[in-house]
């Protein structure tokens, strides 16, 4: 029986795919894992997913989705997401 991954482990898998750490770099796989973690409330994954939407990496570019994910992370006190959100509003 496989162990269920925590949201932090899913976030870390996303990072591995995004930056090609021990796996082939794959933005779509990064988005997949970050979305799973983000939907579980992981603020780091929410911020990362927002960046993917802002830049159109692994997903179709969508500024509204970027702001949505950054807002969720910012509300949890993620300072980097708060910065992203503030810049988006500029």
N, C-alpha and C. Protein backbone atom coordinates (compact mmCIF):
# COMPACT_ATOMS: atom_id res chain seq x y z
N UNK A 1 0.83 -1.18 0.00
CA UNK A 1 0.00 0.00 0.00
C UNK A 1 0.88 1.25 0.00
N UNK A 2 0.57 2.20 -0.91
CA UNK A 2 1.37 3.42 -1.00
C UNK A 2 0.97 4.42 0.08
N UNK A 3 1.97 5.08 0.60
CA UNK A 3 1.75 6.12 1.59
C UNK A 3 1.15 7.34 0.90
N UNK A 4 0.18 7.97 1.54
CA UNK A 4 -0.40 9.19 1.01
C UNK A 4 0.58 10.34 1.21
N UNK A 5 0.83 11.10 0.16
CA UNK A 5 1.76 12.22 0.25
C UNK A 5 1.13 13.39 0.98
N UNK A 6 1.94 14.07 1.78
CA UNK A 6 1.48 15.29 2.42
C UNK A 6 1.50 16.43 1.40
N UNK A 7 0.86 17.53 1.73
CA UNK A 7 0.87 18.68 0.80
C UNK A 7 2.29 19.21 0.64
N UNK A 8 3.10 19.14 1.68
CA UNK A 8 4.48 19.61 1.57
C UNK A 8 5.29 18.70 0.64
N UNK A 9 5.04 17.41 0.70
CA UNK A 9 5.73 16.48 -0.20
C UNK A 9 5.30 16.72 -1.65
N UNK A 10 4.02 17.01 -1.85
CA UNK A 10 3.53 17.32 -3.21
C UNK A 10 4.17 18.61 -3.71
N UNK A 11 4.28 19.60 -2.83
CA UNK A 11 4.95 20.85 -3.19
C UNK A 11 6.40 20.58 -3.63
N UNK A 12 7.08 19.75 -2.85
CA UNK A 12 8.48 19.43 -3.17
C UNK A 12 8.60 18.67 -4.49
N UNK A 13 7.67 17.78 -4.77
CA UNK A 13 7.67 17.09 -6.06
C UNK A 13 7.51 18.10 -7.20
N UNK A 14 6.61 19.06 -7.01
CA UNK A 14 6.44 20.12 -8.00
C UNK A 14 7.74 20.87 -8.26
N UNK A 15 8.46 21.18 -7.19
CA UNK A 15 9.76 21.87 -7.33
C UNK A 15 10.74 21.01 -8.12
N UNK A 16 10.75 19.72 -7.83
CA UNK A 16 11.66 18.83 -8.55
C UNK A 16 11.38 18.87 -10.04
N UNK A 17 10.12 18.80 -10.42
CA UNK A 17 9.77 18.84 -11.84
C UNK A 17 10.05 20.21 -12.44
N UNK A 18 9.78 21.27 -11.70
CA UNK A 18 10.00 22.63 -12.22
C UNK A 18 11.47 22.87 -12.53
N UNK A 19 12.34 22.41 -11.65
CA UNK A 19 13.76 22.72 -11.79
C UNK A 19 14.60 21.53 -12.24
N UNK A 20 13.97 20.41 -12.56
CA UNK A 20 14.70 19.26 -13.05
C UNK A 20 15.64 18.66 -12.02
N UNK A 21 15.19 18.59 -10.78
CA UNK A 21 16.00 18.01 -9.70
C UNK A 21 15.72 16.52 -9.61
N UNK A 22 16.62 15.70 -10.09
CA UNK A 22 16.51 14.23 -10.07
C UNK A 22 15.43 13.69 -11.01
N UNK A 23 14.78 14.53 -11.76
CA UNK A 23 13.79 14.14 -12.77
C UNK A 23 13.95 15.07 -13.96
N UNK A 24 13.37 14.66 -15.10
CA UNK A 24 13.40 15.55 -16.25
C UNK A 24 12.50 16.75 -16.00
N UNK A 25 12.99 17.94 -16.33
CA UNK A 25 12.22 19.17 -16.12
C UNK A 25 10.90 19.08 -16.89
N UNK A 26 9.80 19.41 -16.22
CA UNK A 26 8.48 19.29 -16.83
C UNK A 26 7.51 20.24 -16.12
N UNK A 27 7.22 21.38 -16.76
CA UNK A 27 6.36 22.38 -16.15
C UNK A 27 4.94 21.87 -15.91
N UNK A 28 4.43 21.03 -16.80
CA UNK A 28 3.07 20.51 -16.61
C UNK A 28 2.99 19.61 -15.38
N UNK A 29 4.02 18.80 -15.17
CA UNK A 29 4.05 17.96 -13.97
C UNK A 29 4.21 18.81 -12.71
N UNK A 30 5.00 19.87 -12.81
CA UNK A 30 5.15 20.78 -11.68
C UNK A 30 3.79 21.37 -11.31
N UNK A 31 3.06 21.83 -12.31
CA UNK A 31 1.73 22.39 -12.07
C UNK A 31 0.80 21.35 -11.46
N UNK A 32 0.86 20.13 -11.96
CA UNK A 32 0.02 19.05 -11.43
C UNK A 32 0.22 18.89 -9.92
N UNK A 33 1.47 18.77 -9.51
CA UNK A 33 1.75 18.53 -8.09
C UNK A 33 1.47 19.77 -7.26
N UNK A 34 1.79 20.95 -7.79
CA UNK A 34 1.52 22.17 -7.04
C UNK A 34 0.01 22.40 -6.89
N UNK A 35 -0.78 22.06 -7.92
CA UNK A 35 -2.22 22.22 -7.82
C UNK A 35 -2.79 21.32 -6.71
N UNK A 36 -2.32 20.07 -6.67
CA UNK A 36 -2.78 19.16 -5.62
C UNK A 36 -2.46 19.72 -4.23
N UNK A 37 -1.25 20.20 -4.07
CA UNK A 37 -0.85 20.76 -2.77
C UNK A 37 -1.59 22.06 -2.48
N UNK A 38 -1.76 22.90 -3.50
CA UNK A 38 -2.44 24.18 -3.33
C UNK A 38 -3.90 23.97 -2.92
N UNK A 39 -4.54 22.99 -3.52
CA UNK A 39 -5.94 22.72 -3.18
C UNK A 39 -6.09 22.20 -1.75
N UNK A 40 -4.99 21.69 -1.20
CA UNK A 40 -4.98 21.24 0.20
C UNK A 40 -4.59 22.38 1.14
N UNK A 41 -4.38 23.58 0.58
CA UNK A 41 -4.08 24.75 1.40
C UNK A 41 -2.61 25.06 1.60
N UNK A 42 -1.72 24.43 0.85
CA UNK A 42 -0.28 24.68 1.00
C UNK A 42 0.05 26.03 0.37
N UNK A 43 0.45 27.00 1.22
CA UNK A 43 0.70 28.37 0.76
C UNK A 43 1.86 28.46 -0.22
N UNK A 44 2.90 27.68 -0.01
CA UNK A 44 4.04 27.72 -0.95
C UNK A 44 3.61 27.23 -2.33
N UNK A 45 2.79 26.20 -2.36
CA UNK A 45 2.30 25.68 -3.64
C UNK A 45 1.34 26.68 -4.28
N UNK A 46 0.52 27.34 -3.48
CA UNK A 46 -0.39 28.34 -4.02
C UNK A 46 0.39 29.47 -4.68
N UNK A 47 1.45 29.92 -4.02
CA UNK A 47 2.27 30.98 -4.61
C UNK A 47 2.93 30.50 -5.91
N UNK A 48 3.48 29.30 -5.88
CA UNK A 48 4.15 28.75 -7.06
C UNK A 48 3.17 28.59 -8.22
N UNK A 49 1.98 28.12 -7.92
CA UNK A 49 0.96 27.96 -8.95
C UNK A 49 0.58 29.32 -9.53
N UNK A 50 0.49 30.32 -8.69
CA UNK A 50 0.22 31.68 -9.16
C UNK A 50 1.28 32.16 -10.14
N UNK A 51 2.52 31.86 -9.85
CA UNK A 51 3.61 32.26 -10.75
C UNK A 51 3.46 31.55 -12.09
N UNK A 52 3.13 30.26 -12.06
CA UNK A 52 2.93 29.53 -13.31
C UNK A 52 1.83 30.17 -14.15
N UNK A 53 0.73 30.56 -13.51
CA UNK A 53 -0.35 31.22 -14.24
C UNK A 53 0.08 32.59 -14.75
N UNK A 54 0.84 33.31 -13.97
CA UNK A 54 1.31 34.65 -14.38
C UNK A 54 2.19 34.56 -15.62
N UNK A 55 3.05 33.55 -15.64
CA UNK A 55 4.02 33.43 -16.73
C UNK A 55 3.56 32.50 -17.85
N UNK A 56 2.50 31.75 -17.63
CA UNK A 56 2.04 30.80 -18.64
C UNK A 56 2.98 29.61 -18.76
N UNK A 57 3.49 29.14 -17.65
CA UNK A 57 4.41 28.00 -17.64
C UNK A 57 3.68 26.76 -17.14
N UNK A 58 3.44 25.81 -18.03
CA UNK A 58 2.75 24.58 -17.67
C UNK A 58 1.24 24.70 -17.73
N UNK A 59 0.75 25.93 -17.87
CA UNK A 59 -0.68 26.24 -17.99
C UNK A 59 -0.82 27.42 -18.94
N UNK A 60 -2.04 27.63 -19.42
CA UNK A 60 -2.29 28.81 -20.22
C UNK A 60 -2.21 30.04 -19.32
N UNK A 61 -1.55 31.09 -19.79
CA UNK A 61 -1.40 32.30 -18.99
C UNK A 61 -2.77 32.85 -18.60
N UNK A 62 -2.92 33.18 -17.31
CA UNK A 62 -4.20 33.66 -16.80
C UNK A 62 -3.93 34.49 -15.56
N UNK A 63 -3.98 35.80 -15.72
CA UNK A 63 -3.64 36.70 -14.61
C UNK A 63 -4.66 36.62 -13.47
N UNK A 64 -5.92 36.36 -13.80
CA UNK A 64 -6.93 36.24 -12.74
C UNK A 64 -6.64 35.03 -11.85
N UNK A 65 -6.23 33.92 -12.47
CA UNK A 65 -5.88 32.73 -11.69
C UNK A 65 -4.62 32.98 -10.86
N UNK A 66 -3.67 33.72 -11.42
CA UNK A 66 -2.46 34.05 -10.66
C UNK A 66 -2.84 34.81 -9.39
N UNK A 67 -3.68 35.82 -9.54
CA UNK A 67 -4.10 36.62 -8.38
C UNK A 67 -4.89 35.76 -7.39
N UNK A 68 -5.73 34.88 -7.88
CA UNK A 68 -6.50 33.99 -7.01
C UNK A 68 -5.58 33.18 -6.10
N UNK A 69 -4.59 32.53 -6.69
CA UNK A 69 -3.70 31.68 -5.90
C UNK A 69 -2.81 32.51 -4.98
N UNK A 70 -2.34 33.66 -5.44
CA UNK A 70 -1.52 34.51 -4.58
C UNK A 70 -2.33 35.03 -3.40
N UNK A 71 -3.60 35.35 -3.63
CA UNK A 71 -4.44 35.85 -2.54
C UNK A 71 -4.59 34.77 -1.45
N UNK A 72 -4.83 33.53 -1.88
CA UNK A 72 -4.97 32.45 -0.90
C UNK A 72 -3.71 32.29 -0.06
N UNK A 73 -2.57 32.34 -0.73
CA UNK A 73 -1.29 32.20 -0.01
C UNK A 73 -1.03 33.41 0.88
N UNK A 74 -1.32 34.60 0.36
CA UNK A 74 -1.10 35.83 1.12
C UNK A 74 -1.95 35.85 2.39
N UNK A 75 -3.17 35.36 2.30
CA UNK A 75 -4.06 35.32 3.46
C UNK A 75 -3.53 34.41 4.56
N UNK A 76 -2.63 33.50 4.19
CA UNK A 76 -2.01 32.61 5.17
C UNK A 76 -0.72 33.20 5.72
N UNK A 77 -0.37 34.40 5.27
CA UNK A 77 0.82 35.07 5.76
C UNK A 77 2.08 34.83 4.94
N UNK A 78 1.95 34.24 3.76
CA UNK A 78 3.13 34.00 2.90
C UNK A 78 3.59 35.35 2.34
N UNK A 79 4.72 35.83 2.84
CA UNK A 79 5.21 37.16 2.48
C UNK A 79 5.52 37.29 0.99
N UNK A 80 6.06 36.24 0.39
CA UNK A 80 6.36 36.29 -1.05
C UNK A 80 5.08 36.44 -1.86
N UNK A 81 4.04 35.74 -1.46
CA UNK A 81 2.76 35.85 -2.15
C UNK A 81 2.15 37.24 -1.93
N UNK A 82 2.33 37.78 -0.74
CA UNK A 82 1.85 39.14 -0.48
C UNK A 82 2.54 40.13 -1.40
N UNK A 83 3.83 39.93 -1.61
CA UNK A 83 4.59 40.77 -2.54
C UNK A 83 4.08 40.60 -3.97
N UNK A 84 3.89 39.35 -4.42
CA UNK A 84 3.37 39.10 -5.75
C UNK A 84 2.01 39.77 -5.93
N UNK A 85 1.15 39.64 -4.93
CA UNK A 85 -0.19 40.20 -5.00
C UNK A 85 -0.13 41.72 -5.08
N UNK A 86 0.70 42.32 -4.25
CA UNK A 86 0.86 43.78 -4.29
C UNK A 86 1.33 44.28 -5.64
N UNK A 87 2.31 43.58 -6.22
CA UNK A 87 2.81 43.97 -7.54
C UNK A 87 1.75 43.79 -8.61
N UNK A 88 0.93 42.76 -8.48
CA UNK A 88 -0.14 42.51 -9.45
C UNK A 88 -1.15 43.66 -9.42
N UNK A 89 -1.39 44.20 -8.23
CA UNK A 89 -2.35 45.29 -8.12
C UNK A 89 -1.79 46.61 -8.60
N UNK A 90 -0.48 46.73 -8.69
CA UNK A 90 0.12 47.95 -9.25
C UNK A 90 -0.24 48.06 -10.71
